[in-house]
Amino acid sequence: MVVAYNAETTLEKTLDRIPEDFRSRIAEILILDDASHDDTFTAGCRWSQAEGMPRTVVMRHTKNLGYGGNQKAGYALAAERGLDIVVLLHGDGQYAPESLPEMVAPIERGECEAVFGSRMMKRGGALHGGMPVYKWLGNRVLTRVENFLLGSELTEFHSGYRAYSVAALKQLPIDRNTDAFDFDTQIIVQLINAGMRIKEIPIPTYYGDEICYVNGMKYAKDVIKDVLEYRLAVKGFGTCSWIPKPDGYAFKEGDGSSHSVILDRMRTLPPGRVLDLGCSGGLFAERLEMLGHKVTGVDYIEVEGVRERCSEFFLANLEEGLPEDIGVDYDYVVAGDVIEHLSRPERVLAGVADVLAPGGKVLLSVPNFSHWYSRLRVAFGVFDYDRRGILDETHLRFFTRASLRRTVKSAGYDVLDITSTGAPFWSVLGGGPVAGTLGALSRLLTRIRPTLFGYQHVALLTPHAARTIIAGEHVDVQDILNRQFDPTDRTGAADRTDRVGV
């Protein structure tokens, strides 16, 4: 796949350099002219019609799609035409077509999903090939920063010579990527995020009199922004549409999250029957099972493996209430970060009380909308949703500690205890003393003023003390006492009086 823009003078020379003994292995050459102002399209057509050339498709966009947009069009075409491997080649001759056999070989052998040609693998090779010193230095600095932030070990992030498995590309949301020059960085991040393998091979460096259309400072800013945006996205901040959002909740024991706090509380309670609302993939339920609890999970999607981690699983939308056949007499009901996703959480909580055993308890958590993060977003007029956390894009209700108390009270519960968790922001920095110090400070401030610094509130609840059991049904005694009876209606009056007496 040859991307070309104003490459009339270099395109044919570049294509001529494709090794003759490799041409028979090429199913198609796709030349994509991105609305050039010169005769790039004509040059491509002229080369394709020469004798003995591989089958060649030459396309000219009537509108400039940008470097990333041109690649999107090409990869979509490669998938549509059933190709197995697609190699990105630039029409200006900066990357060596002579290296095409080495570029595709690792994918053919099944060693990886992507191969990058690196100009930095051989010491001094890039400078000897004519790369300007400022570009070499910028390349090295940016690559080191990106490797640090992503935990990768690539020798070069900024080579435009790449081979991809088309099947792998189909699994990535590349259609959501930028149309600009940082497209290549975003696709690296997507490969890493998907756990796909990248292999580098050394390639020679060629710098001639070709025109560079990249604004170096803007490009540097964009690629760093992309990597930081990804790091924030995996922690739940921002929307970052070009990184897929996982279906399951990535629970990590001891990470200070609300689920971790609830698990610590469950360790102090005797084993019993647990109803886990919003159980996701069952990772939290699996920990409870290891503690001796028997867990019934409920969620609106079935994440792979959830039935193996729970004693029982129900596929249900809590917006419509609890499943009818879920049973009763649960010792504990856990709703970790669930009720904020419901339009009428009071209704679900009232239903939960009906399935609790006498003396049963509810443990739930909600994000704290009065946390300084969301307060600042609102105060500065930059309110928006995130992938996860307080401003999760799927939240229908926002809670403060006071509004949480009001909500559970109206649903028929007494609050036995409310604790708050610290913010997870500092984990974005990874490990190390800085992240550890900031995390400790966050926990200290949370204890001092949980309404401002608490990221999530975790509540332990029990149904109102006035709630009791009469004739095998859960009945609120106060409701009975408040009933008004018709004094003229004597039918069954004695029975009603007896029930009030109870």
Protein backbone atom coordinates (compact mmCIF):
# COMPACT_ATOMS: atom_id res chain seq x y z
CA MET A 1 0.00 0.00 0.00
CA VAL A 2 1.74 3.13 -1.24
CA VAL A 3 0.62 6.44 0.27
CA ALA A 4 1.54 9.35 -1.97
CA TYR A 5 1.11 13.12 -1.91
CA ASN A 6 2.79 15.33 -4.53
CA ALA A 7 5.14 12.44 -5.31
CA GLU A 8 5.18 12.73 -9.11
CA THR A 9 8.99 12.86 -9.31
CA THR A 10 9.69 10.01 -6.87
CA LEU A 11 6.80 7.53 -7.12
CA GLU A 12 7.93 5.53 -10.16
CA LYS A 13 11.55 5.43 -8.98
CA THR A 14 10.39 4.10 -5.61
CA LEU A 15 8.24 1.39 -7.20
CA ASP A 16 11.08 0.38 -9.54
CA ARG A 17 13.14 -0.49 -6.46
CA ILE A 18 10.77 -3.31 -5.44
CA PRO A 19 12.94 -6.46 -5.79
CA GLU A 20 12.07 -8.34 -8.96
CA ASP A 21 12.20 -11.72 -7.22
CA PHE A 22 9.65 -10.45 -4.69
CA ARG A 23 7.12 -9.07 -7.16
CA SER A 24 5.57 -12.46 -7.92
CA ARG A 25 4.56 -12.74 -4.25
CA ILE A 26 2.63 -9.46 -4.32
CA ALA A 27 -1.11 -9.96 -4.80
CA GLU A 28 -1.76 -6.27 -5.41
CA ILE A 29 -0.12 -2.88 -5.16
CA LEU A 30 -2.51 -0.20 -3.92
CA ILE A 31 -1.40 3.33 -4.78
CA LEU A 32 -3.38 6.00 -2.92
CA ASP A 33 -2.90 9.54 -4.21
CA ASP A 34 -4.17 11.88 -1.50
CA ALA A 35 -5.48 14.66 -3.80
CA SER A 36 -2.03 15.73 -4.96
CA HIS A 37 -1.53 19.01 -6.76
CA ASP A 38 0.85 17.45 -9.28
CA ASP A 39 0.64 14.42 -11.60
CA THR A 40 1.17 11.75 -8.95
CA PHE A 41 -1.93 9.88 -10.16
CA THR A 42 -0.70 9.88 -13.76
CA ALA A 43 2.71 8.63 -12.68
CA GLY A 44 1.10 5.78 -10.78
CA CYS A 45 -1.06 4.80 -13.74
CA ARG A 46 1.92 4.95 -16.09
CA TRP A 47 3.96 2.61 -13.87
CA SER A 48 1.07 0.17 -13.43
CA GLN A 49 0.73 -0.24 -17.21
CA ALA A 50 4.36 -1.11 -17.76
CA GLU A 51 5.06 -4.70 -18.81
CA GLY A 52 5.56 -7.29 -16.10
CA MET A 53 4.33 -5.19 -13.17
CA PRO A 54 2.19 -6.72 -10.38
CA ARG A 55 -1.50 -6.05 -10.46
CA THR A 56 -1.84 -2.41 -9.40
CA VAL A 57 -4.80 -0.32 -8.28
CA VAL A 58 -4.30 3.44 -8.50
CA MET A 59 -6.77 5.65 -6.65
CA ARG A 60 -6.93 9.41 -6.35
CA HIS A 61 -8.90 11.01 -3.55
CA THR A 62 -10.81 14.07 -4.69
CA LYS A 63 -10.34 15.51 -1.19
CA ASN A 64 -7.18 15.38 0.89
CA LEU A 65 -7.81 12.88 3.69
CA GLY A 66 -4.59 13.54 5.57
CA TYR A 67 -1.80 11.08 6.31
CA GLY A 68 -3.93 9.06 8.73
CA GLY A 69 -7.08 9.32 6.63
CA ASN A 70 -5.24 8.01 3.58
CA GLN A 71 -4.07 4.98 5.57
CA LYS A 72 -7.58 4.28 6.82
CA ALA A 73 -8.85 4.19 3.25
CA GLY A 74 -6.00 1.89 2.22
CA TYR A 75 -6.43 -0.59 5.08
CA ALA A 76 -10.17 -0.75 4.46
CA LEU A 77 -9.45 -1.49 0.80
CA ALA A 78 -6.90 -4.17 1.73
CA ALA A 79 -9.44 -5.90 3.97
CA GLU A 80 -12.15 -5.59 1.33
CA ARG A 81 -9.92 -7.21 -1.28
CA GLY A 82 -9.02 -10.12 1.00
CA LEU A 83 -5.30 -9.44 1.45
CA ASP A 84 -3.43 -11.23 4.24
CA ILE A 85 -0.54 -8.81 4.85
CA VAL A 86 -0.38 -5.13 3.99
CA VAL A 87 2.88 -3.16 3.90
CA LEU A 88 2.85 0.62 4.27
CA LEU A 89 5.30 2.21 1.82
CA HIS A 90 5.81 5.92 1.21
CA GLY A 91 5.84 7.17 -2.35
CA ASP A 92 8.70 9.61 -1.73
CA GLY A 93 11.31 6.83 -1.51
CA GLN A 94 12.35 7.57 2.08
CA TYR A 95 11.85 3.92 3.06
CA ALA A 96 13.61 1.13 1.21
CA PRO A 97 11.41 -1.13 -0.95
CA GLU A 98 14.43 -3.44 -1.06
CA SER A 99 13.55 -4.49 2.51
CA LEU A 100 10.05 -5.75 1.61
CA PRO A 101 10.93 -9.48 1.93
CA GLU A 102 12.32 -8.91 5.45
CA MET A 103 9.30 -6.80 6.41
CA VAL A 104 6.73 -9.52 5.73
CA ALA A 105 8.74 -12.58 6.82
CA PRO A 106 8.05 -12.41 10.61
CA ILE A 107 4.28 -12.18 10.00
CA GLU A 108 4.45 -15.08 7.54
CA ARG A 109 6.22 -17.14 10.21
CA GLY A 110 3.52 -16.28 12.76
CA GLU A 111 5.94 -14.46 15.07
CA CYS A 112 3.97 -11.22 15.32
CA GLU A 113 1.04 -9.17 14.07
CA ALA A 114 3.08 -6.12 13.02
CA VAL A 115 6.61 -5.45 11.77
CA PHE A 116 8.23 -2.01 12.00
CA GLY A 117 11.28 -0.97 10.05
CA SER A 118 13.59 0.85 12.48
CA ARG A 119 16.27 3.32 11.46
CA MET A 120 17.59 3.37 15.02
CA MET A 121 18.55 -0.28 15.52
CA LYS A 122 22.02 0.22 14.05
CA ARG A 123 24.07 2.77 15.97
CA GLY A 124 24.73 5.86 13.84
CA GLY A 125 22.85 4.44 10.84
CA ALA A 126 20.18 7.15 10.74
CA LEU A 127 22.70 10.02 10.85
CA HIS A 128 24.89 8.37 8.20
CA GLY A 129 21.80 8.06 6.01
CA GLY A 130 21.25 11.81 6.09
CA MET A 131 18.72 12.23 8.90
CA PRO A 132 19.13 15.80 10.22
CA VAL A 133 20.55 15.94 13.75
CA TYR A 134 17.50 17.77 15.15
CA LYS A 135 15.18 15.08 13.75
CA TRP A 136 17.40 12.31 15.10
CA LEU A 137 17.44 13.92 18.55
CA GLY A 138 13.68 14.53 18.53
CA ASN A 139 13.06 10.95 17.42
CA ARG A 140 15.20 9.55 20.24
CA VAL A 141 13.69 11.76 22.94
CA LEU A 142 10.09 11.11 21.90
CA THR A 143 10.69 7.36 21.59
CA ARG A 144 12.20 7.23 25.07
CA VAL A 145 9.26 9.14 26.58
CA GLU A 146 6.71 6.97 24.78
CA ASN A 147 8.45 3.76 25.84
CA PHE A 148 8.44 4.97 29.45
CA LEU A 149 4.76 5.84 29.42
CA LEU A 150 3.67 2.66 27.62
CA GLY A 151 6.08 0.20 29.20
CA SER A 152 7.32 -0.79 25.72
CA GLU A 153 10.84 -1.28 24.37
CA LEU A 154 10.71 -0.12 20.75
CA THR A 155 13.83 1.42 19.26
CA GLU A 156 11.75 3.78 17.13
CA PHE A 157 8.14 4.97 17.32
CA HIS A 158 8.28 7.22 14.28
CA SER A 159 9.11 5.03 11.34
CA GLY A 160 6.53 5.03 8.55
CA TYR A 161 7.69 1.68 7.18
CA ARG A 162 5.34 -0.98 8.56
CA ALA A 163 3.78 -4.33 7.76
CA TYR A 164 0.53 -5.47 9.37
CA SER A 165 -1.53 -8.62 9.50
CA VAL A 166 -4.84 -7.56 7.95
CA ALA A 167 -6.67 -9.88 10.36
CA ALA A 168 -5.06 -7.99 13.26
CA LEU A 169 -6.02 -4.61 11.81
CA LYS A 170 -9.63 -5.74 11.61
CA GLN A 171 -9.62 -6.15 15.40
CA LEU A 172 -8.47 -2.55 16.01
CA PRO A 173 -10.80 0.48 15.86
CA ILE A 174 -8.47 2.32 13.46
CA ASP A 175 -11.43 4.08 11.86
CA ARG A 176 -11.59 6.18 15.06
CA ASN A 177 -7.96 7.25 14.80
CA THR A 178 -6.80 10.71 13.87
CA ASP A 179 -6.39 11.69 10.20
CA ALA A 180 -3.15 13.53 11.04
CA PHE A 181 0.47 12.33 11.23
CA ASP A 182 0.11 10.91 14.75
CA PHE A 183 -2.05 8.13 13.29
CA ASP A 184 1.04 5.89 13.39
CA THR A 185 1.46 6.47 17.14
CA GLN A 186 -2.18 5.70 17.84
CA ILE A 187 -1.97 2.41 15.98
CA ILE A 188 1.10 1.42 18.06
CA VAL A 189 -0.86 2.15 21.22
CA GLN A 190 -3.81 0.10 19.95
CA LEU A 191 -1.54 -2.86 19.18
CA ILE A 192 0.01 -2.71 22.66
CA ASN A 193 -3.39 -2.32 24.32
CA ALA A 194 -4.70 -5.38 22.44
CA GLY A 195 -1.67 -7.44 23.51
CA MET A 196 -0.50 -7.90 19.92
CA ARG A 197 3.13 -8.58 19.08
CA ILE A 198 5.37 -6.06 17.34
CA LYS A 199 8.73 -7.00 15.82
CA GLU A 200 11.34 -4.54 14.60
CA ILE A 201 13.89 -5.06 11.85
CA PRO A 202 16.74 -2.70 10.92
CA ILE A 203 16.28 -0.68 7.74
CA PRO A 204 18.56 1.81 5.96
CA THR A 205 17.88 5.54 6.16
CA TYR A 206 17.39 7.63 3.02
CA TYR A 207 17.01 11.40 3.15
CA GLY A 208 16.92 13.31 -0.11
CA ASP A 209 15.32 16.50 -1.37
CA GLU A 210 11.76 15.32 -0.70
CA ILE A 211 9.41 17.85 0.89
CA CYS A 212 8.46 17.19 4.51
CA TYR A 213 4.87 18.15 5.34
CA VAL A 214 5.14 17.39 9.05
CA ASN A 215 5.06 20.25 11.55
CA GLY A 216 7.60 18.88 14.01
CA MET A 217 6.44 20.74 17.12
CA LYS A 218 2.77 19.97 16.53
CA TYR A 219 3.62 16.34 15.82
CA ALA A 220 5.62 16.04 19.06
CA LYS A 221 2.76 17.57 21.03
CA ASP A 222 0.20 15.28 19.40
CA VAL A 223 2.07 12.01 19.99
CA ILE A 224 2.74 12.82 23.65
CA LYS A 225 -0.92 13.80 24.05
CA ASP A 226 -1.97 10.48 22.50
CA VAL A 227 0.14 8.41 24.89
CA LEU A 228 -0.96 10.41 27.95
CA GLU A 229 -4.58 10.17 26.78
CA TYR A 230 -4.19 6.41 26.61
CA ARG A 231 -2.64 6.19 30.08
CA LEU A 232 -5.53 8.22 31.46
CA ALA A 233 -8.08 6.18 29.49
CA VAL A 234 -6.97 2.85 30.96
CA LYS A 235 -7.49 4.44 34.40
CA GLY A 236 -10.95 5.62 33.34
CA PHE A 237 -10.35 9.33 32.63
CA GLY A 238 -11.46 10.94 29.40
CA THR A 239 -13.41 9.20 26.67
CA CYS A 240 -10.57 8.33 24.21
CA SER A 241 -12.79 6.83 21.53
CA TRP A 242 -9.85 5.18 19.71
CA ILE A 243 -9.13 2.83 22.65
CA PRO A 244 -11.75 0.07 23.15
CA LYS A 245 -13.52 0.08 26.49
CA PRO A 246 -13.35 -3.36 28.17
CA ASP A 247 -16.61 -5.15 28.96
CA GLY A 248 -15.43 -6.51 32.29
CA TYR A 249 -14.37 -4.72 35.46
CA ALA A 250 -10.61 -5.12 35.98
CA PHE A 251 -10.67 -5.80 39.72
CA LYS A 252 -7.30 -5.75 41.49
CA GLU A 253 -7.14 -6.85 45.08
CA GLY A 254 -5.66 -4.23 47.42
CA ASP A 255 -5.77 -1.38 44.88
CA GLY A 256 -7.73 0.88 47.25
CA SER A 257 -10.83 0.84 45.05
CA SER A 258 -14.36 0.51 46.38
CA HIS A 259 -14.44 -3.19 45.46
CA SER A 260 -11.24 -3.72 47.40
CA VAL A 261 -12.70 -1.95 50.45
CA ILE A 262 -15.89 -4.06 50.23
CA LEU A 263 -13.80 -7.24 49.96
CA ASP A 264 -11.87 -6.27 53.10
CA ARG A 265 -15.19 -5.75 54.91
CA MET A 266 -16.49 -9.13 53.72
CA ARG A 267 -13.42 -10.82 55.19
CA THR A 268 -14.62 -9.78 58.65
CA LEU A 269 -18.10 -11.26 58.14
CA PRO A 270 -19.05 -14.94 58.49
CA PRO A 271 -19.51 -16.86 55.21
CA GLY A 272 -23.00 -16.77 53.74
CA ARG A 273 -25.11 -16.41 50.62
CA VAL A 274 -24.13 -13.33 48.59
CA LEU A 275 -26.04 -11.57 45.82
CA ASP A 276 -23.50 -9.67 43.70
CA LEU A 277 -25.29 -7.04 41.61
CA GLY A 278 -23.29 -5.88 38.60
CA CYS A 279 -20.86 -8.79 38.95
CA SER A 280 -19.15 -8.12 35.57
CA GLY A 281 -16.70 -10.96 34.82
CA GLY A 282 -16.97 -12.41 38.33
CA LEU A 283 -13.44 -11.52 39.49
CA PHE A 284 -14.80 -10.00 42.71
CA ALA A 285 -17.20 -12.93 43.18
CA GLU A 286 -14.30 -15.33 42.75
CA ARG A 287 -12.56 -13.75 45.76
CA LEU A 288 -15.75 -14.08 47.80
CA GLU A 289 -16.07 -17.75 46.87
CA MET A 290 -12.51 -18.27 48.09
CA LEU A 291 -13.58 -16.80 51.45
CA GLY A 292 -16.31 -19.44 51.74
CA HIS A 293 -19.28 -17.40 50.46
CA LYS A 294 -21.72 -18.72 47.85
CA VAL A 295 -22.21 -16.00 45.25
CA THR A 296 -25.08 -15.41 42.88
CA GLY A 297 -24.09 -12.87 40.23
CA VAL A 298 -26.32 -10.57 38.21
CA ASP A 299 -25.36 -8.42 35.23
CA TYR A 300 -26.87 -7.16 31.99
CA ILE A 301 -24.02 -8.60 29.91
CA GLU A 302 -22.39 -12.00 30.25
CA VAL A 303 -18.62 -11.60 30.36
CA GLU A 304 -16.67 -14.71 29.45
CA GLY A 305 -15.87 -16.86 32.48
CA VAL A 306 -18.44 -15.35 34.84
CA ARG A 307 -20.41 -18.60 35.28
CA GLU A 308 -17.25 -20.43 36.34
CA ARG A 309 -16.48 -17.79 38.98
CA CYS A 310 -19.97 -17.57 40.49
CA SER A 311 -22.06 -20.34 42.04
CA GLU A 312 -24.99 -19.03 39.99
CA PHE A 313 -25.41 -16.30 37.38
CA PHE A 314 -28.46 -14.38 36.13
CA LEU A 315 -28.46 -12.30 32.97
CA ALA A 316 -30.76 -9.37 33.76
CA ASN A 317 -31.11 -5.62 33.37
CA LEU A 318 -31.40 -4.10 36.85
CA GLU A 319 -33.19 -1.12 35.33
CA GLU A 320 -36.15 -3.51 35.15
CA GLY A 321 -35.65 -4.74 38.73
CA LEU A 322 -34.27 -7.95 40.19
CA PRO A 323 -34.90 -11.22 38.31
CA GLU A 324 -38.08 -12.91 39.55
CA ASP A 325 -36.44 -16.30 40.10
CA ILE A 326 -33.39 -15.00 41.94
CA GLY A 327 -34.54 -16.43 45.28
CA VAL A 328 -34.51 -14.99 48.82
CA ASP A 329 -32.69 -15.20 52.15
CA TYR A 330 -29.38 -13.73 51.05
CA ASP A 331 -27.09 -12.90 53.95
CA TYR A 332 -25.35 -10.14 51.99
CA VAL A 333 -26.12 -8.09 48.90
CA VAL A 334 -23.19 -6.31 47.23
CA ALA A 335 -23.77 -3.45 44.80
CA GLY A 336 -20.31 -2.09 43.99
CA ASP A 337 -20.60 0.98 41.75
CA VAL A 338 -24.00 -0.06 40.47
CA ILE A 339 -26.85 2.20 41.57
CA GLU A 340 -25.42 5.28 39.83
CA HIS A 341 -26.12 3.49 36.54
CA LEU A 342 -29.85 3.23 37.33
CA SER A 343 -32.52 5.85 36.73
CA ARG A 344 -34.52 4.69 39.79
CA PRO A 345 -32.02 3.18 42.26
CA GLU A 346 -34.52 3.49 45.14
CA ARG A 347 -36.78 0.96 43.44
CA VAL A 348 -33.99 -1.61 43.07
CA LEU A 349 -32.81 -1.06 46.65
CA ALA A 350 -36.34 -1.61 47.91
CA GLY A 351 -36.42 -4.88 46.00
CA VAL A 352 -33.10 -5.89 47.50
CA ALA A 353 -34.59 -5.67 51.00
CA ASP A 354 -37.16 -8.26 49.98
CA VAL A 355 -34.51 -10.88 49.19
CA LEU A 356 -32.41 -10.32 52.32
CA ALA A 357 -32.45 -12.83 55.13
CA PRO A 358 -33.34 -11.52 58.63
CA GLY A 359 -30.30 -9.62 59.85
CA GLY A 360 -28.88 -9.42 56.33
CA LYS A 361 -26.69 -6.52 55.21
CA VAL A 362 -26.14 -4.52 52.04
CA LEU A 363 -22.73 -3.22 50.97
CA LEU A 364 -22.76 -0.67 48.20
CA SER A 365 -20.48 1.97 46.79
CA VAL A 366 -21.00 5.10 44.68
CA PRO A 367 -18.64 7.70 43.19
CA ASN A 368 -18.54 10.98 45.11
CA PHE A 369 -19.69 13.81 42.84
CA SER A 370 -18.55 16.40 45.40
CA HIS A 371 -14.92 15.25 44.97
CA TRP A 372 -12.58 18.10 44.03
CA TYR A 373 -12.06 16.63 40.54
CA SER A 374 -15.69 16.96 39.47
CA ARG A 375 -16.08 20.25 41.38
CA LEU A 376 -13.23 21.79 39.38
CA ARG A 377 -14.60 20.43 36.10
CA VAL A 378 -17.91 22.12 36.78
CA ALA A 379 -16.41 25.33 38.22
CA PHE A 380 -14.22 25.92 35.15
CA GLY A 381 -16.95 25.02 32.67
CA VAL A 382 -15.18 21.92 31.34
CA PHE A 383 -17.72 19.35 32.55
CA ASP A 384 -17.64 16.24 30.40
CA TYR A 385 -17.86 12.49 30.80
CA ASP A 386 -15.07 9.96 31.31
CA ARG A 387 -14.76 6.28 30.44
CA ARG A 388 -14.99 5.36 34.11
CA GLY A 389 -15.00 6.89 37.58
CA ILE A 390 -17.08 9.76 38.92
CA LEU A 391 -18.03 11.10 35.49
CA ASP A 392 -18.51 7.73 33.81
CA GLU A 393 -20.33 8.23 30.52
CA THR A 394 -22.91 5.58 31.53
CA HIS A 395 -23.88 7.18 34.85
CA LEU A 396 -27.50 8.29 35.17
CA ARG A 397 -27.33 9.52 38.76
CA PHE A 398 -24.70 11.46 40.71
CA PHE A 399 -24.26 11.10 44.47
CA THR A 400 -22.71 13.00 47.34
CA ARG A 401 -22.45 11.51 50.82
CA ALA A 402 -25.57 13.43 51.91
CA SER A 403 -27.62 12.41 48.86
CA LEU A 404 -26.53 8.80 49.30
CA ARG A 405 -27.88 8.84 52.86
CA ARG A 406 -31.18 10.30 51.67
CA THR A 407 -31.49 7.76 48.86
CA VAL A 408 -30.92 4.68 51.02
CA LYS A 409 -33.14 6.03 53.78
CA SER A 410 -36.02 6.57 51.36
CA ALA A 411 -35.48 3.00 50.12
CA GLY A 412 -35.95 1.68 53.67
CA TYR A 413 -32.43 1.32 55.08
CA ASP A 414 -30.40 2.44 58.06
CA VAL A 415 -26.77 3.37 57.45
CA LEU A 416 -24.47 1.42 59.75
CA ASP A 417 -21.25 2.87 58.37
CA ILE A 418 -19.87 4.98 55.49
CA THR A 419 -16.19 5.02 54.54
CA SER A 420 -14.47 6.79 51.64
CA THR A 421 -11.66 5.80 49.30
CA GLY A 422 -8.80 7.96 48.03
CA ALA A 423 -8.47 9.06 44.41
CA PRO A 424 -6.80 6.66 41.93
CA PHE A 425 -5.25 9.48 39.85
CA TRP A 426 -1.71 8.89 41.04
CA SER A 427 -1.59 5.32 39.75
CA VAL A 428 -1.35 6.89 36.27
CA LEU A 429 2.26 7.71 37.18
CA GLY A 430 2.99 4.03 37.73
CA GLY A 431 5.02 2.96 40.73
CA GLY A 432 7.83 4.83 42.38
CA PRO A 433 8.19 7.28 45.26
CA VAL A 434 6.27 10.16 43.63
CA ALA A 435 3.14 8.11 42.99
CA GLY A 436 3.42 6.52 46.44
CA THR A 437 3.75 9.88 48.20
CA LEU A 438 0.84 11.43 46.32
CA GLY A 439 -1.30 8.37 47.00
CA ALA A 440 -0.55 8.51 50.73
CA LEU A 441 -1.39 12.22 50.78
CA SER A 442 -4.69 11.51 49.03
CA ARG A 443 -5.62 8.90 51.65
CA LEU A 444 -4.73 11.29 54.48
CA LEU A 445 -6.85 14.10 53.02
CA THR A 446 -9.70 11.65 52.49
CA ARG A 447 -9.72 10.80 56.19
CA ILE A 448 -9.66 14.50 57.11
CA ARG A 449 -12.40 15.64 54.74
CA PRO A 450 -14.08 12.76 52.89
CA THR A 451 -16.74 14.94 51.24
CA LEU A 452 -14.05 16.82 49.28
CA PHE A 453 -11.27 14.28 48.88
CA GLY A 454 -13.17 10.98 49.00
CA TYR A 455 -13.34 9.49 45.51
CA GLN A 456 -15.95 6.86 46.35
CA HIS A 457 -18.25 6.30 49.32
CA VAL A 458 -18.73 2.74 50.60
CA ALA A 459 -21.82 2.16 52.76
CA LEU A 460 -22.88 -0.71 55.01
CA LEU A 461 -26.68 -0.85 55.25
CA THR A 462 -29.40 -2.79 56.98
CA PRO A 463 -33.19 -2.53 56.54
CA HIS A 464 -34.95 -0.17 58.99
CA ALA A 465 -35.34 -1.57 62.47
CA ALA A 466 -39.14 -1.16 62.17
CA ARG A 467 -39.16 -3.65 59.29
CA THR A 468 -40.17 -7.12 60.47
CA ILE A 469 -41.72 -10.32 59.17
CA ILE A 470 -45.47 -11.03 59.48
CA ALA A 471 -47.13 -14.10 58.00
CA GLY A 472 -44.00 -14.95 56.02
CA GLU A 473 -43.88 -11.59 54.22
CA HIS A 474 -41.66 -8.53 54.70
CA VAL A 475 -43.93 -5.80 56.04
CA ASP A 476 -43.10 -2.32 57.29
CA VAL A 477 -44.83 -2.01 60.68
CA GLN A 478 -44.90 1.76 60.44
CA ASP A 479 -46.94 1.48 57.24
CA ILE A 480 -49.50 -0.64 59.11
CA LEU A 481 -49.68 1.79 62.02
CA ASN A 482 -50.28 4.67 59.62
CA ARG A 483 -53.16 3.01 57.81
CA GLN A 484 -56.55 4.65 58.13
CA PHE A 485 -59.44 2.22 58.59
CA ASP A 486 -63.04 2.93 57.74
CA PRO A 487 -64.82 2.90 61.13
CA THR A 488 -68.04 1.80 59.46
CA ASP A 489 -66.35 -1.24 57.94
CA ARG A 490 -66.43 -3.94 60.64
CA THR A 491 -65.54 -6.81 58.31
CA GLY A 492 -62.21 -8.23 59.33
CA ALA A 493 -61.59 -5.32 61.76
CA ALA A 494 -60.50 -7.63 64.55
CA ASP A 495 -58.01 -9.36 62.24
CA ARG A 496 -56.55 -6.02 61.21
CA THR A 497 -56.28 -4.95 64.85
CA ASP A 498 -54.44 -8.17 65.66
CA ARG A 499 -51.95 -7.53 62.85
CA VAL A 500 -51.33 -4.00 64.13
CA GLY A 501 -50.80 -5.42 67.58
CA VAL A 502 -48.14 -7.73 66.23
